[in-house]
C-alpha atoms as a PDB file:
ATOM      1  CA  LYS A   1      65.573-161.585 -79.464  1.00  0.00           C
ATOM      2  CA  ASN A   2      64.494-163.512 -82.571  1.00  0.00           C
ATOM      3  CA  TRP A   3      67.516-164.837 -84.478  1.00  0.00           C
ATOM      4  CA  PHE A   4      66.493-162.992 -87.658  1.00  0.00           C
ATOM      5  CA  ASP A   5      66.566-159.667 -85.732  1.00  0.00           C
ATOM      6  CA  LEU A   6      70.208-160.017 -84.636  1.00  0.00           C
ATOM      7  CA  LYS A   7      72.717-157.287 -85.503  1.00  0.00           C
ATOM      8  CA  ALA A   8      76.511-157.193 -85.845  1.00  0.00           C
ATOM      9  CA  GLY A   9      78.016-156.724 -82.394  1.00  0.00           C
ATOM     10  CA  ASP A  10      75.302-158.691 -80.572  1.00  0.00           C
ATOM     11  CA  CYS A  11      76.749-161.145 -78.051  1.00  0.00           C
ATOM     12  CA  LEU A  12      74.643-164.226 -77.388  1.00  0.00           C
ATOM     13  CA  THR A  13      74.229-166.746 -74.634  1.00  0.00           C
ATOM     14  CA  GLU A  14      73.783-169.361 -77.357  1.00  0.00           C
ATOM     15  CA  ILE A  15      73.395-169.671 -81.109  1.00  0.00           C
ATOM     16  CA  PRO A  16      69.741-170.494 -81.811  1.00  0.00           C
ATOM     17  CA  ALA A  17      69.185-174.122 -82.819  1.00  0.00           C
ATOM     18  CA  ILE A  18      66.786-173.246 -85.613  1.00  0.00           C
ATOM     19  CA  ASP A  19      66.796-176.818 -86.923  1.00  0.00           C
ATOM     20  CA  THR A  20      64.969-177.821 -83.730  1.00  0.00           C
ATOM     21  CA  GLY A  21      62.578-174.863 -83.840  1.00  0.00           C
ATOM     22  CA  VAL A  22      64.390-172.472 -81.491  1.00  0.00           C
ATOM     23  CA  VAL A  23      63.914-168.942 -82.822  1.00  0.00           C
ATOM     24  CA  GLU A  24      65.023-166.828 -79.868  1.00  0.00           C
ATOM     25  CA  THR A  25      68.283-166.224 -78.083  1.00  0.00           C
ATOM     26  CA  THR A  26      69.427-163.950 -75.288  1.00  0.00           C
ATOM     27  CA  VAL A  27      71.584-160.965 -76.202  1.00  0.00           C
ATOM     28  CA  ILE A  28      73.891-159.856 -73.391  1.00  0.00           C
ATOM     29  CA  ASP A  29      76.681-157.362 -72.777  1.00  0.00           C
ATOM     30  CA  CYS A  30      79.846-158.588 -74.477  1.00  0.00           C
ATOM     31  CA  ALA A  31      81.812-158.132 -71.233  1.00  0.00           C
ATOM     32  CA  SER A  32      79.772-161.013 -69.764  1.00  0.00           C
ATOM     33  CA  PRO A  33      80.629-164.607 -70.679  1.00  0.00           C
ATOM     34  CA  HIS A  34      78.869-165.485 -73.922  1.00  0.00           C
ATOM     35  CA  GLN A  35      78.897-168.303 -76.455  1.00  0.00           C
ATOM     36  CA  ALA A  36      78.954-166.302 -79.683  1.00  0.00           C
ATOM     37  CA  GLU A  37      79.156-162.851 -81.239  1.00  0.00           C
ATOM     38  CA  VAL A  38      77.414-161.752 -84.416  1.00  0.00           C
ATOM     39  CA  PHE A  39      80.030-160.148 -86.639  1.00  0.00           C
ATOM     40  CA  LEU A  40      78.298-159.766 -89.993  1.00  0.00           C
ATOM     41  CA  LEU A  41      74.924-159.714 -91.712  1.00  0.00           C
ATOM     42  CA  ALA A  42      75.715-160.374 -95.363  1.00  0.00           C
ATOM     43  CA  PRO A  43      73.072-160.000 -98.069  1.00  0.00           C
ATOM     44  CA  LEU A  44      72.843-162.993-100.391  1.00  0.00           C
ATOM     45  CA  ALA A  45      71.642-162.743-103.970  1.00  0.00           C
ATOM     46  CA  VAL A  46      68.732-164.778-105.269  1.00  0.00           C
ATOM     47  CA  ASN A  47      69.639-168.474-105.582  1.00  0.00           C
ATOM     48  CA  THR A  48      73.028-168.065-103.848  1.00  0.00           C
ATOM     49  CA  ALA A  49      71.989-168.898-100.288  1.00  0.00           C
ATOM     50  CA  ILE A  50      74.309-171.893-100.241  1.00  0.00           C
ATOM     51  CA  ASP A  51      77.077-172.955 -97.883  1.00  0.00           C
ATOM     52  CA  ARG A  52      80.041-171.951-100.040  1.00  0.00           C
ATOM     53  CA  VAL A  53      78.730-168.446-100.775  1.00  0.00           C
ATOM     54  CA  ALA A  54      77.686-167.810 -97.180  1.00  0.00           C
ATOM     55  CA  MET A  55      81.032-168.966 -95.763  1.00  0.00           C
ATOM     56  CA  GLU A  56      82.963-166.839 -98.292  1.00  0.00           C
ATOM     57  CA  LYS A  57      81.057-163.764 -97.120  1.00  0.00           C
ATOM     58  CA  CYS A  58      81.571-164.710 -93.458  1.00  0.00           C
ATOM     59  CA  ALA A  59      85.322-165.226 -94.032  1.00  0.00           C
ATOM     60  CA  LYS A  60      85.757-161.749 -95.523  1.00  0.00           C
ATOM     61  CA  GLY A  61      83.592-160.178 -92.841  1.00  0.00           C
ATOM     62  CA  PHE A  62      85.539-161.966 -90.095  1.00  0.00           C
ATOM     63  CA  VAL A  63      88.822-160.351 -91.170  1.00  0.00           C
ATOM     64  CA  ASP A  64      87.175-156.922 -91.447  1.00  0.00           C
ATOM     65  CA  TYR A  65      85.494-157.250 -88.040  1.00  0.00           C
ATOM     66  CA  THR A  66      88.327-158.790 -85.990  1.00  0.00           C
ATOM     67  CA  GLY A  67      91.471-157.719 -87.861  1.00  0.00           C
ATOM     68  CA  GLN A  68      92.644-161.341 -87.589  1.00  0.00           C
ATOM     69  CA  PRO A  69      93.166-164.014 -90.239  1.00  0.00           C
ATOM     70  CA  PHE A  70      90.211-166.276 -90.883  1.00  0.00           C
ATOM     71  CA  VAL A  71      92.229-169.496 -90.711  1.00  0.00           C
ATOM     72  CA  GLY A  72      94.525-170.554 -87.877  1.00  0.00           C
ATOM     73  CA  GLY A  73      93.162-168.341 -85.117  1.00  0.00           C
ATOM     74  CA  PRO A  74      91.391-169.177 -81.869  1.00  0.00           C
ATOM     75  CA  PHE A  75      87.886-168.747 -83.297  1.00  0.00           C
ATOM     76  CA  ALA A  76      85.385-170.896 -85.116  1.00  0.00           C
ATOM     77  CA  VAL A  77      82.822-169.386 -87.472  1.00  0.00           C
ATOM     78  CA  THR A  78      79.302-170.498 -88.199  1.00  0.00           C
ATOM     79  CA  TYR A  79      76.234-168.883 -89.722  1.00  0.00           C
ATOM     80  CA  LEU A  80      72.493-169.038 -90.168  1.00  0.00           C
ATOM     81  CA  ILE A  81      70.732-168.041 -93.385  1.00  0.00           C
ATOM     82  CA  ASP A  82      67.605-165.934 -93.059  1.00  0.00           C
ATOM     83  CA  SER A  83      65.560-166.636 -96.170  1.00  0.00           C
ATOM     84  CA  ASN A  84      62.259-165.735 -94.531  1.00  0.00           C
ATOM     85  CA  GLN A  85      61.884-162.556 -96.556  1.00  0.00           C
ATOM     86  CA  ASP A  86      59.391-161.342 -99.127  1.00  0.00           C
ATOM     87  CA  ARG A  87      60.483-162.810-102.447  1.00  0.00           C
ATOM     88  CA  THR A  88      57.575-161.182-104.306  1.00  0.00           C
ATOM     89  CA  ALA A  89      59.257-157.786-104.194  1.00  0.00           C
ATOM     90  CA  ASN A  90      61.958-156.731-106.614  1.00  0.00           C
ATOM     91  CA  ASN A  91      64.782-157.469-104.181  1.00  0.00           C
ATOM     92  CA  PRO A  92      68.025-158.837-105.675  1.00  0.00           C
ATOM     93  CA  THR A  93      69.314-159.910-102.221  1.00  0.00           C
ATOM     94  CA  PRO A  94      66.360-161.518-100.426  1.00  0.00           C
ATOM     95  CA  SER A  95      68.415-163.668 -98.037  1.00  0.00           C
ATOM     96  CA  THR A  96      70.928-162.817 -95.319  1.00  0.00           C
ATOM     97  CA  ALA A  97      73.836-164.800 -93.879  1.00  0.00           C
ATOM     98  CA  ILE A  98      74.070-164.076 -90.148  1.00  0.00           C
ATOM     99  CA  CYS A  99      77.701-164.840 -89.264  1.00  0.00           C
ATOM    100  CA  PHE A 100      78.784-165.800 -85.733  1.00  0.00           C
ATOM    101  CA  LEU A 101      82.189-166.240 -84.165  1.00  0.00           C
ATOM    102  CA  ARG A 102      82.833-168.364 -81.122  1.00  0.00           C
ATOM    103  CA  ASN A 103      85.809-169.718 -79.249  1.00  0.00           C
ATOM    104  CA  ALA A 104      87.141-172.770 -81.129  1.00  0.00           C
ATOM    105  CA  ASN A 105      87.815-174.595 -77.858  1.00  0.00           C
ATOM    106  CA  GLY A 106      84.211-174.176 -76.683  1.00  0.00           C
ATOM    107  CA  GLU A 107      85.078-171.864 -73.809  1.00  0.00           C
ATOM    108  CA  PRO A 108      82.934-168.735 -73.363  1.00  0.00           C
ATOM    109  CA  LEU A 109      84.075-165.433 -74.821  1.00  0.00           C
ATOM    110  CA  THR A 110      84.431-162.597 -72.305  1.00  0.00           C
ATOM    111  CA  GLU A 111      84.731-159.535 -74.526  1.00  0.00           C
ATOM    112  CA  SER A 112      83.825-158.296 -77.965  1.00  0.00           C
ATOM    113  CA  GLU A 113      86.207-159.414 -80.691  1.00  0.00           C
ATOM    114  CA  ARG A 114      85.541-156.294 -82.788  1.00  0.00           C
ATOM    115  CA  PHE A 115      88.786-154.763 -84.073  1.00  0.00           C
END
């Protein structure tokens, strides 16, 4: 699946390394060992697709999705920003933060972390 087509609840064999040109990843059943789980797709307003704003949205979404505190738990959070959208349209939120959770110790996850 292309990384910009991911949905909340998708479990992935790996987070796409888009900085090296990788645009696809394998989505698998969350009961199988997986590297990451998509927990939020957060719309970002024009000119706010920056690290601080994206991580704030991911932090709030993490608590809502897992029912666990964002800081001090066993998970690490990362994200990709999809800004490959039509900016010629009247769209106040043309970008999307795709938020992922993974095991902080690098071990595979073996179930969905959805609350």
